[in-house]
Amino acid sequence: MKKIHAKLILEAYKPLIRALSSEGKDFNVGAEEETDYDKQVLVEEILKQAHTLAGLPINNLLQAYTLKPLPLVFNSLSLSAIELAPKPQSKKITPIQPLNIYGSIEHYYQELESTDITDAIQELKKQFQKEYEYFLENTQQNQETRLSTLQHLLRKYAYCIGIEGVTGCSAFEFTKSIAAFAIAIYENQKFLYFSRAPQEFYQKYPFLFVGADISGIQNFIYDIVTKGASKNLKGRSFYLQLLTDCTAQLVLHKVNIRHSCPIVYSSGGKFFMLLPHTPEVVQILEEIQKEIEKELWNLHKGKLYLSFGYVPFALQVQNGVQKVSIPEDYLENKFVDSSNLEWSTLWQTINHITSKRKQKKFLNLIASQENFTEFFGEEISSNLRKGIGRGGDLENDPAYRICSITGEEIDVKEEFYSLIEPEDYEESMAEKKKKALSTISKKILNLGDDLQSAYAWVRVPSNKKAGKYFTIFNIEGAPVYQ
């Protein structure tokens, strides 16, 4: 992790740490050596700018945030338009209690007028203080791991409270956004500083909003057989979650941001993140799109597709109101003022771009001469082309097999497995082949089987290819899948 990134992230977290911890102890950043440029970077000015853009101007970074109860998002919903008389505004808040992995939530909401609100916040601070001190004394890992641990600790305690002056999000999400803005500001300014030519476009739009969306989810999840249906569903659902998470981590790894603070949202086969707008980042995103396309085609032959999109944007604060600017070429509606937009327009634009890319699935592969035969078969002569798939006789051809789950032909060179164990049946070769499994189908079944006794899953650092390694632990805490 870059030392300057670690500095920006840690300084962005400190106001929240001070709000939760009475002693407010800090730890030093000890990552890579700083460059000459980094030594002259004004971290405080970047963080002040990030706070202003996020809607909470701050003059003194040494001060702590003022915490408040976090209203439920449902408070803003109203059915008064279809009711005879409107109901009074709800004053329900998120329960003030730490997250846990056991699913034991005492209450799903509590009333704002509750007399124990102050006591609940004090108890939350007391529990955080205890864990934070343990964290400082017992975590001696590298800087990347320590900052990741700190982020999860803040998520555990600050997901349920808000910050005075901030509406619409928790204290944790707000703090994470400050860190993301700070890194994006730093990287964009660094690019402009070292650029030999004027870069008006990158200066005007310093941020990049990135979105990714997996298509084909429903067919993929329910493409199963009765035998082992439960673990197959579990395995496939979790496989998609891992695909989304690992792709997001791959993006961060490639752009050399070794922290997950830029991830705004990641769930349901989608993720969105805030990155710096530089030519290098744009090029990396295009390369990742091609890499993921090829990987998904090799594994799933078109059943799953991940479309990338990105939108350059700028953010200004006018009279305390945030306004977004987007280049006109990216907007679906060309008749709006591109320099005076709402946040919702940015979300609509990125969703529109990823949807358009879905209409051109695997374009990079199809347009490539190298991969042409993967889609259209091999040319035997000027008027004859060998089709995709070898075809065969399931009854009599010993080399011909299809996956019993996906229905796809299994390559002759590929190792294959059986849906049931050999000792469980004595059948003809044709019947055995009807229960064949491709390698990927077998892995997904094994994944679902491991999940049935899983306690937790953890993504761990690896020296291997970034973003592709994780561990599932069973209820005894022993690793069962890596």
Protein backbone atom coordinates (compact mmCIF):
# COMPACT_ATOMS: atom_id res chain seq x y z
CA MET A 1 0.00 0.00 0.00
CA LYS A 2 1.24 3.48 -0.84
CA LYS A 3 2.23 5.35 2.29
CA ILE A 4 0.33 8.44 1.18
CA HIS A 5 -2.84 6.35 0.68
CA ALA A 6 -2.45 4.92 4.19
CA LYS A 7 -2.04 8.45 5.57
CA LEU A 8 -5.15 9.75 3.80
CA ILE A 9 -7.28 6.80 4.89
CA LEU A 10 -6.13 6.96 8.51
CA GLU A 11 -6.61 10.72 8.76
CA ALA A 12 -10.08 10.34 7.23
CA TYR A 13 -10.97 7.79 9.92
CA LYS A 14 -9.62 9.77 12.88
CA PRO A 15 -12.59 12.14 13.48
CA LEU A 16 -14.87 9.10 13.80
CA ILE A 17 -12.36 7.23 15.97
CA ARG A 18 -12.18 10.25 18.29
CA ALA A 19 -15.97 10.38 18.44
CA LEU A 20 -16.14 6.72 19.49
CA SER A 21 -13.04 6.55 21.67
CA SER A 22 -12.55 8.76 24.70
CA GLU A 23 -8.77 8.38 24.59
CA GLY A 24 -8.45 8.54 20.80
CA LYS A 25 -5.14 6.69 20.55
CA ASP A 26 -3.57 6.58 17.08
CA PHE A 27 -1.09 4.35 15.37
CA ASN A 28 1.63 5.39 12.93
CA VAL A 29 1.69 4.72 9.22
CA GLY A 30 4.59 2.49 8.30
CA ALA A 31 4.09 1.44 4.71
CA GLU A 32 6.20 2.25 1.64
CA GLU A 33 8.68 5.09 1.54
CA GLU A 34 7.23 8.40 0.40
CA THR A 35 8.21 9.89 -2.94
CA ASP A 36 9.44 13.48 -3.23
CA TYR A 37 6.03 14.47 -4.54
CA ASP A 38 4.23 12.78 -1.63
CA LYS A 39 6.37 14.63 0.89
CA GLN A 40 4.98 17.95 -0.31
CA VAL A 41 1.36 16.80 -0.45
CA LEU A 42 -0.84 18.71 1.98
CA VAL A 43 -2.86 15.88 3.48
CA GLU A 44 -4.89 18.25 5.62
CA GLU A 45 -5.96 20.35 2.61
CA ILE A 46 -7.01 17.26 0.64
CA LEU A 47 -9.11 16.00 3.54
CA LYS A 48 -10.74 19.41 4.03
CA GLN A 49 -11.61 19.41 0.34
CA ALA A 50 -13.01 15.88 0.63
CA HIS A 51 -15.18 16.91 3.60
CA THR A 52 -16.51 19.92 1.70
CA LEU A 53 -17.42 17.78 -1.32
CA ALA A 54 -19.11 15.24 0.96
CA GLY A 55 -21.27 17.97 2.44
CA LEU A 56 -19.63 18.51 5.84
CA PRO A 57 -17.08 21.35 5.76
CA ILE A 58 -14.56 21.00 8.56
CA ASN A 59 -11.94 23.50 9.71
CA ASN A 60 -10.12 21.44 12.31
CA LEU A 61 -9.32 17.82 11.50
CA LEU A 62 -8.34 17.23 15.13
CA GLN A 63 -11.92 17.60 16.27
CA ALA A 64 -14.27 14.64 16.66
CA TYR A 65 -17.57 14.19 14.88
CA THR A 66 -20.71 14.72 16.90
CA LEU A 67 -22.69 11.49 16.83
CA LYS A 68 -26.47 11.23 16.63
CA PRO A 69 -29.09 8.48 16.20
CA LEU A 70 -29.49 7.24 12.62
CA PRO A 71 -33.07 7.51 11.29
CA LEU A 72 -34.42 4.53 9.38
CA VAL A 73 -34.49 5.00 5.62
CA PHE A 74 -38.17 3.99 5.70
CA ASN A 75 -38.98 7.18 7.62
CA SER A 76 -38.82 9.10 4.35
CA LEU A 77 -41.39 6.84 2.65
CA SER A 78 -45.03 7.89 2.74
CA LEU A 79 -48.30 6.39 1.55
CA SER A 80 -50.22 9.59 2.18
CA ALA A 81 -50.99 10.00 -1.53
CA ILE A 82 -53.31 6.99 -1.45
CA GLU A 83 -54.62 7.39 2.09
CA LEU A 84 -57.47 9.56 3.34
CA ALA A 85 -55.30 11.21 5.97
CA PRO A 86 -51.49 11.37 6.11
CA LYS A 87 -49.77 9.69 9.03
CA PRO A 88 -47.44 11.73 11.27
CA GLN A 89 -43.77 11.49 10.33
CA SER A 90 -42.13 8.39 11.77
CA LYS A 91 -39.33 8.86 14.29
CA LYS A 92 -37.88 5.37 14.27
CA ILE A 93 -34.10 4.93 14.33
CA THR A 94 -31.61 2.17 13.65
CA PRO A 95 -30.98 0.09 16.81
CA ILE A 96 -27.79 1.28 18.50
CA GLN A 97 -25.93 -1.98 18.86
CA PRO A 98 -22.77 -3.50 17.32
CA LEU A 99 -22.96 -5.83 14.35
CA ASN A 100 -22.42 -9.51 15.01
CA ILE A 101 -22.13 -12.60 12.84
CA TYR A 102 -24.64 -14.63 14.80
CA GLY A 103 -27.73 -12.85 13.47
CA SER A 104 -29.08 -12.14 16.95
CA ILE A 105 -30.62 -8.68 16.55
CA GLU A 106 -32.72 -7.75 19.57
CA HIS A 107 -34.72 -5.05 17.76
CA TYR A 108 -35.04 -4.02 14.13
CA TYR A 109 -35.80 -0.44 15.09
CA GLN A 110 -36.34 1.70 18.16
CA GLU A 111 -38.19 4.94 18.85
CA LEU A 112 -36.30 8.23 18.85
CA GLU A 113 -38.03 9.32 22.05
CA SER A 114 -36.62 6.32 23.91
CA THR A 115 -34.99 7.44 27.14
CA ASP A 116 -32.12 5.02 26.77
CA ILE A 117 -30.71 6.55 23.54
CA THR A 118 -27.93 8.42 25.33
CA ASP A 119 -27.09 5.38 27.42
CA ALA A 120 -27.03 3.20 24.28
CA ILE A 121 -24.55 5.51 22.55
CA GLN A 122 -22.33 5.57 25.64
CA GLU A 123 -22.43 1.77 25.84
CA LEU A 124 -21.53 1.58 22.13
CA LYS A 125 -18.54 3.86 22.75
CA LYS A 126 -17.48 1.76 25.74
CA GLN A 127 -17.50 -1.46 23.72
CA PHE A 128 -15.65 0.19 20.83
CA GLN A 129 -13.01 1.56 23.21
CA LYS A 130 -12.32 -1.93 24.52
CA GLU A 131 -11.96 -3.49 21.06
CA TYR A 132 -9.99 -0.54 19.71
CA GLU A 133 -7.42 -0.84 22.50
CA TYR A 134 -7.11 -4.56 21.81
CA PHE A 135 -6.64 -3.75 18.12
CA LEU A 136 -3.81 -1.30 18.86
CA GLU A 137 -2.01 -3.72 21.18
CA ASN A 138 -2.39 -6.96 19.23
CA THR A 139 -2.40 -6.21 15.51
CA GLN A 140 1.15 -6.24 14.23
CA GLN A 141 0.42 -7.13 10.60
CA ASN A 142 1.38 -5.05 7.60
CA GLN A 143 -0.22 -1.65 7.10
CA GLU A 144 -2.72 -2.88 4.52
CA THR A 145 -4.08 -5.54 6.88
CA ARG A 146 -4.21 -3.17 9.85
CA LEU A 147 -6.19 -0.54 7.96
CA SER A 148 -8.57 -3.21 6.67
CA THR A 149 -9.07 -4.47 10.23
CA LEU A 150 -9.67 -0.93 11.43
CA GLN A 151 -12.28 -0.40 8.73
CA HIS A 152 -14.18 -3.53 9.77
CA LEU A 153 -14.02 -2.40 13.39
CA LEU A 154 -15.53 0.96 12.46
CA ARG A 155 -18.21 -0.77 10.38
CA LYS A 156 -19.13 -2.93 13.37
CA TYR A 157 -19.78 0.05 15.65
CA ALA A 158 -20.56 3.00 13.36
CA TYR A 159 -23.06 1.42 10.93
CA CYS A 160 -25.91 2.22 13.35
CA ILE A 161 -25.22 5.87 14.17
CA GLY A 162 -25.14 9.13 12.23
CA ILE A 163 -23.13 12.35 12.27
CA GLU A 164 -24.53 15.80 13.01
CA GLY A 165 -24.72 17.73 9.74
CA VAL A 166 -24.89 14.60 7.59
CA THR A 167 -28.14 13.09 6.32
CA GLY A 168 -28.88 9.90 4.46
CA CYS A 169 -26.00 7.67 5.55
CA SER A 170 -24.32 6.18 8.58
CA ALA A 171 -21.20 7.53 10.24
CA PHE A 172 -19.22 4.61 8.83
CA GLU A 173 -20.31 5.07 5.20
CA PHE A 174 -19.70 8.81 5.39
CA THR A 175 -16.18 8.31 6.77
CA LYS A 176 -15.41 5.72 4.10
CA SER A 177 -16.53 8.14 1.40
CA ILE A 178 -14.16 10.79 2.78
CA ALA A 179 -11.25 8.37 2.38
CA ALA A 180 -12.33 7.50 -1.17
CA PHE A 181 -12.64 11.16 -2.17
CA ALA A 182 -9.25 11.95 -0.63
CA ILE A 183 -7.46 9.20 -2.59
CA ALA A 184 -9.20 10.22 -5.82
CA ILE A 185 -8.26 13.90 -5.31
CA TYR A 186 -4.64 12.98 -4.59
CA GLU A 187 -4.23 10.70 -7.62
CA ASN A 188 -5.92 13.14 -10.00
CA GLN A 189 -3.79 16.05 -8.76
CA LYS A 190 -0.64 13.95 -9.04
CA PHE A 191 -1.46 13.10 -12.66
CA LEU A 192 -2.07 16.77 -13.50
CA TYR A 193 1.17 17.78 -11.74
CA PHE A 194 3.36 15.41 -13.78
CA SER A 195 1.50 15.82 -17.09
CA ARG A 196 3.57 17.61 -19.70
CA ALA A 197 0.55 18.92 -21.59
CA PRO A 198 -2.64 20.64 -20.41
CA GLN A 199 -5.27 18.12 -19.33
CA GLU A 200 -8.44 20.20 -19.19
CA PHE A 201 -10.80 17.23 -19.39
CA TYR A 202 -9.21 15.42 -16.43
CA GLN A 203 -8.96 18.66 -14.49
CA LYS A 204 -12.61 19.50 -15.10
CA TYR A 205 -13.81 15.99 -14.19
CA PRO A 206 -11.44 14.66 -11.49
CA PHE A 207 -13.53 11.65 -10.42
CA LEU A 208 -14.60 8.43 -12.07
CA PHE A 209 -17.76 6.59 -11.07
CA VAL A 210 -17.36 2.93 -12.02
CA GLY A 211 -20.12 0.34 -12.26
CA ALA A 212 -20.20 -3.37 -13.08
CA ASP A 213 -23.21 -5.59 -13.60
CA ILE A 214 -23.41 -9.37 -14.08
CA SER A 215 -26.11 -10.55 -16.50
CA GLY A 216 -27.51 -14.07 -16.80
CA ILE A 217 -27.81 -14.48 -13.01
CA GLN A 218 -31.30 -15.98 -12.88
CA ASN A 219 -30.68 -18.63 -15.51
CA PHE A 220 -27.31 -19.47 -13.96
CA ILE A 221 -28.67 -19.92 -10.43
CA TYR A 222 -31.63 -22.07 -11.44
CA ASP A 223 -29.77 -24.14 -14.05
CA ILE A 224 -29.70 -27.15 -11.72
CA VAL A 225 -30.97 -30.69 -11.42
CA THR A 226 -32.99 -32.24 -8.60
CA LYS A 227 -30.04 -34.23 -7.28
CA GLY A 228 -28.13 -31.99 -4.86
CA ALA A 229 -30.40 -29.00 -5.57
CA SER A 230 -29.91 -27.38 -2.16
CA LYS A 231 -26.14 -27.28 -2.19
CA ASN A 232 -26.17 -26.42 -5.89
CA LEU A 233 -28.29 -23.33 -5.21
CA LYS A 234 -26.07 -22.34 -2.29
CA GLY A 235 -22.92 -22.86 -4.31
CA ARG A 236 -24.17 -20.91 -7.32
CA SER A 237 -25.48 -17.97 -5.28
CA PHE A 238 -22.23 -17.75 -3.34
CA TYR A 239 -20.20 -18.19 -6.52
CA LEU A 240 -21.86 -15.06 -7.95
CA GLN A 241 -21.17 -13.15 -4.74
CA LEU A 242 -17.52 -14.16 -4.93
CA LEU A 243 -17.37 -13.23 -8.62
CA THR A 244 -18.64 -9.73 -7.80
CA ASP A 245 -16.36 -9.29 -4.78
CA CYS A 246 -13.24 -10.66 -6.44
CA THR A 247 -13.76 -8.53 -9.55
CA ALA A 248 -14.07 -5.40 -7.41
CA GLN A 249 -10.88 -6.34 -5.54
CA LEU A 250 -9.14 -7.03 -8.86
CA VAL A 251 -10.00 -3.50 -10.05
CA LEU A 252 -8.60 -1.96 -6.85
CA HIS A 253 -5.47 -4.11 -7.09
CA LYS A 254 -4.85 -3.09 -10.71
CA VAL A 255 -5.23 0.64 -9.99
CA ASN A 256 -2.92 0.22 -6.98
CA ILE A 257 -5.43 1.14 -4.29
CA ARG A 258 -5.01 -1.58 -1.65
CA HIS A 259 -8.10 -0.74 0.35
CA SER A 260 -11.83 -1.19 -0.15
CA CYS A 261 -12.88 2.36 0.80
CA PRO A 262 -13.62 3.28 -2.88
CA ILE A 263 -16.33 0.58 -3.06
CA VAL A 264 -19.66 2.36 -2.70
CA TYR A 265 -21.87 -0.72 -3.12
CA SER A 266 -21.27 -4.39 -3.85
CA SER A 267 -24.15 -6.86 -3.84
CA GLY A 268 -26.67 -8.60 -6.08
CA GLY A 269 -24.26 -9.11 -8.95
CA LYS A 270 -23.34 -5.40 -9.09
CA PHE A 271 -20.71 -3.11 -7.65
CA PHE A 272 -20.02 0.61 -7.85
CA MET A 273 -16.89 2.47 -6.84
CA LEU A 274 -15.32 5.92 -6.78
CA LEU A 275 -11.92 6.13 -8.49
CA PRO A 276 -9.58 8.91 -9.63
CA HIS A 277 -10.06 10.03 -13.22
CA THR A 278 -6.75 9.52 -15.02
CA PRO A 279 -5.87 7.97 -18.42
CA GLU A 280 -4.14 5.08 -16.65
CA VAL A 281 -7.25 4.14 -14.65
CA VAL A 282 -9.45 4.31 -17.77
CA GLN A 283 -7.03 2.06 -19.67
CA ILE A 284 -6.89 -0.42 -16.78
CA LEU A 285 -10.70 -0.64 -16.69
CA GLU A 286 -10.83 -1.41 -20.42
CA GLU A 287 -8.18 -4.11 -19.98
CA ILE A 288 -10.06 -5.65 -17.05
CA GLN A 289 -13.25 -5.74 -19.12
CA LYS A 290 -11.42 -7.77 -21.78
CA GLU A 291 -9.79 -10.04 -19.19
CA ILE A 292 -13.08 -10.78 -17.41
CA GLU A 293 -14.88 -11.33 -20.74
CA LYS A 294 -12.36 -13.98 -21.75
CA GLU A 295 -12.38 -15.66 -18.34
CA LEU A 296 -16.19 -15.85 -18.19
CA TRP A 297 -16.42 -17.11 -21.76
CA ASN A 298 -13.93 -19.89 -21.06
CA LEU A 299 -15.81 -20.91 -17.91
CA HIS A 300 -19.45 -20.39 -18.88
CA LYS A 301 -19.60 -20.04 -22.70
CA GLY A 302 -21.80 -16.97 -22.64
CA LYS A 303 -24.18 -17.85 -19.79
CA LEU A 304 -22.64 -15.17 -17.56
CA TYR A 305 -21.39 -11.77 -18.65
CA LEU A 306 -20.00 -8.85 -16.66
CA SER A 307 -20.35 -5.41 -18.21
CA PHE A 308 -18.19 -2.51 -17.07
CA GLY A 309 -19.03 1.15 -17.33
CA TYR A 310 -17.56 4.38 -16.04
CA VAL A 311 -18.59 8.03 -15.96
CA PRO A 312 -16.21 10.97 -15.40
CA PHE A 313 -17.76 13.55 -13.10
CA ALA A 314 -17.11 16.59 -10.96
CA LEU A 315 -18.76 17.58 -7.73
CA GLN A 316 -19.42 21.13 -6.57
CA VAL A 317 -21.16 22.48 -3.50
CA GLN A 318 -23.38 25.49 -4.21
CA ASN A 319 -25.04 27.13 -1.19
CA GLY A 320 -24.66 23.91 0.75
CA VAL A 321 -26.21 21.82 -2.06
CA GLN A 322 -24.16 19.20 -3.92
CA LYS A 323 -24.29 19.41 -7.72
CA VAL A 324 -22.81 16.91 -10.16
CA SER A 325 -21.27 17.69 -13.55
CA ILE A 326 -21.04 14.98 -16.24
CA PRO A 327 -19.68 15.27 -19.81
CA GLU A 328 -22.55 15.60 -22.30
CA ASP A 329 -21.32 12.60 -24.33
CA TYR A 330 -22.10 10.29 -21.41
CA LEU A 331 -25.63 11.54 -20.74
CA GLU A 332 -28.66 9.68 -22.02
CA ASN A 333 -30.69 12.89 -22.06
CA LYS A 334 -28.74 15.47 -24.10
CA PHE A 335 -31.15 18.29 -23.30
CA VAL A 336 -30.31 18.74 -19.61
CA ASP A 337 -27.76 21.08 -18.09
CA SER A 338 -24.78 18.74 -17.70
CA SER A 339 -23.16 21.01 -15.10
CA ASN A 340 -26.11 21.17 -12.70
CA LEU A 341 -27.22 17.60 -12.03
CA GLU A 342 -28.42 15.59 -9.06
CA TRP A 343 -26.66 12.52 -7.63
CA SER A 344 -29.49 10.38 -9.03
CA THR A 345 -28.50 11.37 -12.59
CA LEU A 346 -25.02 9.94 -12.02
CA TRP A 347 -26.53 6.61 -10.94
CA GLN A 348 -28.93 6.60 -13.88
CA THR A 349 -26.08 7.34 -16.29
CA ILE A 350 -23.83 4.53 -15.09
CA ASN A 351 -26.73 2.05 -15.18
CA HIS A 352 -27.56 3.17 -18.72
CA ILE A 353 -23.95 2.66 -19.84
CA THR A 354 -23.65 -0.84 -18.36
CA SER A 355 -27.03 -1.77 -19.89
CA LYS A 356 -25.85 -0.64 -23.33
CA ARG A 357 -22.73 -2.78 -23.01
CA LYS A 358 -24.92 -5.80 -22.29
CA GLN A 359 -26.33 -5.39 -25.79
CA LYS A 360 -22.82 -6.01 -27.17
CA LYS A 361 -21.76 -8.98 -25.08
CA PHE A 362 -18.29 -10.37 -25.71
CA LEU A 363 -17.67 -7.77 -28.41
CA ASN A 364 -13.95 -7.69 -27.69
CA LEU A 365 -13.71 -11.46 -28.15
CA ILE A 366 -15.87 -11.63 -31.25
CA ALA A 367 -13.99 -8.78 -32.93
CA SER A 368 -10.65 -10.44 -32.24
CA GLN A 369 -9.23 -12.61 -35.02
CA GLU A 370 -7.56 -14.75 -32.37
CA ASN A 371 -10.92 -15.72 -30.82
CA PHE A 372 -13.00 -15.81 -34.00
CA THR A 373 -13.14 -19.60 -34.20
CA GLU A 374 -14.39 -19.79 -30.60
CA PHE A 375 -17.66 -18.28 -31.80
CA PHE A 376 -17.98 -19.21 -35.46
CA GLY A 377 -16.11 -22.47 -35.80
CA GLU A 378 -12.98 -23.44 -37.69
CA GLU A 379 -12.69 -22.87 -41.43
CA ILE A 380 -11.90 -26.14 -43.22
CA SER A 381 -12.14 -24.84 -46.80
CA SER A 382 -13.39 -21.76 -48.61
CA ASN A 383 -17.01 -22.95 -48.45
CA LEU A 384 -16.98 -25.21 -45.41
CA ARG A 385 -16.74 -24.31 -41.74
CA LYS A 386 -16.60 -26.74 -38.84
CA GLY A 387 -19.22 -25.75 -36.22
CA ILE A 388 -18.89 -25.20 -32.52
CA GLY A 389 -18.95 -28.37 -30.44
CA ARG A 390 -17.98 -31.78 -31.74
CA GLY A 391 -21.40 -33.45 -31.41
CA GLY A 392 -21.63 -37.18 -30.85
CA ASP A 393 -23.60 -40.23 -29.86
CA LEU A 394 -24.40 -40.20 -26.14
CA GLU A 395 -25.26 -43.89 -26.22
CA ASN A 396 -22.27 -45.30 -28.09
CA ASP A 397 -19.49 -42.73 -28.35
CA PRO A 398 -17.29 -43.26 -25.25
CA ALA A 399 -15.65 -39.84 -25.65
CA TYR A 400 -18.86 -37.81 -25.93
CA ARG A 401 -20.20 -36.31 -22.70
CA ILE A 402 -22.40 -33.40 -21.71
CA CYS A 403 -22.65 -31.76 -18.31
CA SER A 404 -25.80 -33.00 -16.59
CA ILE A 405 -26.37 -29.56 -15.04
CA THR A 406 -25.51 -27.06 -17.77
CA GLY A 407 -26.16 -29.26 -20.82
CA GLU A 408 -22.87 -28.16 -22.37
CA GLU A 409 -20.46 -30.49 -24.08
CA ILE A 410 -17.48 -31.40 -21.95
CA ASP A 411 -14.24 -31.01 -23.83
CA VAL A 412 -12.48 -34.30 -24.52
CA LYS A 413 -9.34 -32.99 -22.81
CA GLU A 414 -11.21 -31.76 -19.73
CA GLU A 415 -11.39 -33.81 -16.58
CA PHE A 416 -14.98 -34.61 -15.70
CA TYR A 417 -16.81 -35.81 -12.61
CA SER A 418 -20.01 -37.61 -11.74
CA LEU A 419 -23.10 -36.16 -10.10
CA ILE A 420 -23.20 -39.18 -7.78
CA GLU A 421 -20.45 -41.40 -6.45
CA PRO A 422 -19.54 -44.46 -8.57
CA GLU A 423 -20.32 -46.91 -5.77
CA ASP A 424 -23.90 -45.61 -5.64
CA TYR A 425 -24.90 -47.10 -8.95
CA GLU A 426 -24.22 -49.80 -11.49
CA GLU A 427 -25.45 -48.54 -14.82
CA SER A 428 -24.53 -48.61 -18.47
CA MET A 429 -21.92 -46.25 -19.88
CA ALA A 430 -24.69 -44.13 -21.41
CA GLU A 431 -26.46 -43.75 -18.04
CA LYS A 432 -23.21 -42.89 -16.29
CA LYS A 433 -22.42 -40.22 -18.86
CA LYS A 434 -25.82 -38.64 -18.35
CA LYS A 435 -24.68 -37.83 -14.81
CA ALA A 436 -21.36 -36.27 -15.89
CA LEU A 437 -20.26 -32.96 -14.44
CA SER A 438 -17.91 -30.40 -15.92
CA THR A 439 -15.07 -29.10 -13.75
CA ILE A 440 -16.79 -25.80 -12.96
CA SER A 441 -20.10 -27.54 -12.08
CA LYS A 442 -18.24 -29.87 -9.73
CA LYS A 443 -16.46 -26.95 -8.02
CA ILE A 444 -19.73 -25.09 -7.49
CA LEU A 445 -21.34 -28.22 -5.98
CA ASN A 446 -18.38 -28.62 -3.63
CA LEU A 447 -18.66 -24.95 -2.69
CA GLY A 448 -22.35 -25.38 -1.82
CA ASP A 449 -21.56 -28.50 0.17
CA ASP A 450 -18.92 -26.62 2.22
CA LEU A 451 -21.31 -23.73 2.82
CA GLN A 452 -23.82 -26.01 4.53
CA SER A 453 -21.47 -26.29 7.52
CA ALA A 454 -19.77 -22.91 7.09
CA TYR A 455 -19.27 -20.49 9.94
CA ALA A 456 -17.78 -17.60 7.97
CA TRP A 457 -15.84 -16.83 4.82
CA VAL A 458 -12.78 -14.64 4.76
CA ARG A 459 -10.82 -13.16 1.88
CA VAL A 460 -7.17 -13.45 2.79
CA PRO A 461 -4.08 -11.81 1.23
CA SER A 462 -2.36 -14.00 -1.31
CA ASN A 463 0.81 -13.93 -3.36
CA LYS A 464 -1.13 -15.50 -6.18
CA LYS A 465 -3.40 -13.72 -8.67
CA ALA A 466 -5.16 -10.84 -6.93
CA GLY A 467 -8.78 -11.16 -5.94
CA LYS A 468 -9.18 -14.89 -6.59
CA TYR A 469 -8.42 -16.49 -3.25
CA PHE A 470 -10.62 -16.81 -0.19
CA THR A 471 -11.21 -19.21 2.69
CA ILE A 472 -14.41 -20.69 4.12
CA PHE A 473 -14.35 -21.80 7.75
CA ASN A 474 -16.68 -24.43 9.20
CA ILE A 475 -18.52 -24.14 12.51
CA GLU A 476 -15.44 -25.41 14.36
CA GLY A 477 -13.32 -22.67 12.79
CA ALA A 478 -11.31 -25.01 10.55
CA PRO A 479 -10.73 -24.01 6.90
CA VAL A 480 -12.71 -26.25 4.54
CA TYR A 481 -12.39 -24.51 1.17
CA GLN A 482 -9.67 -22.32 -0.33
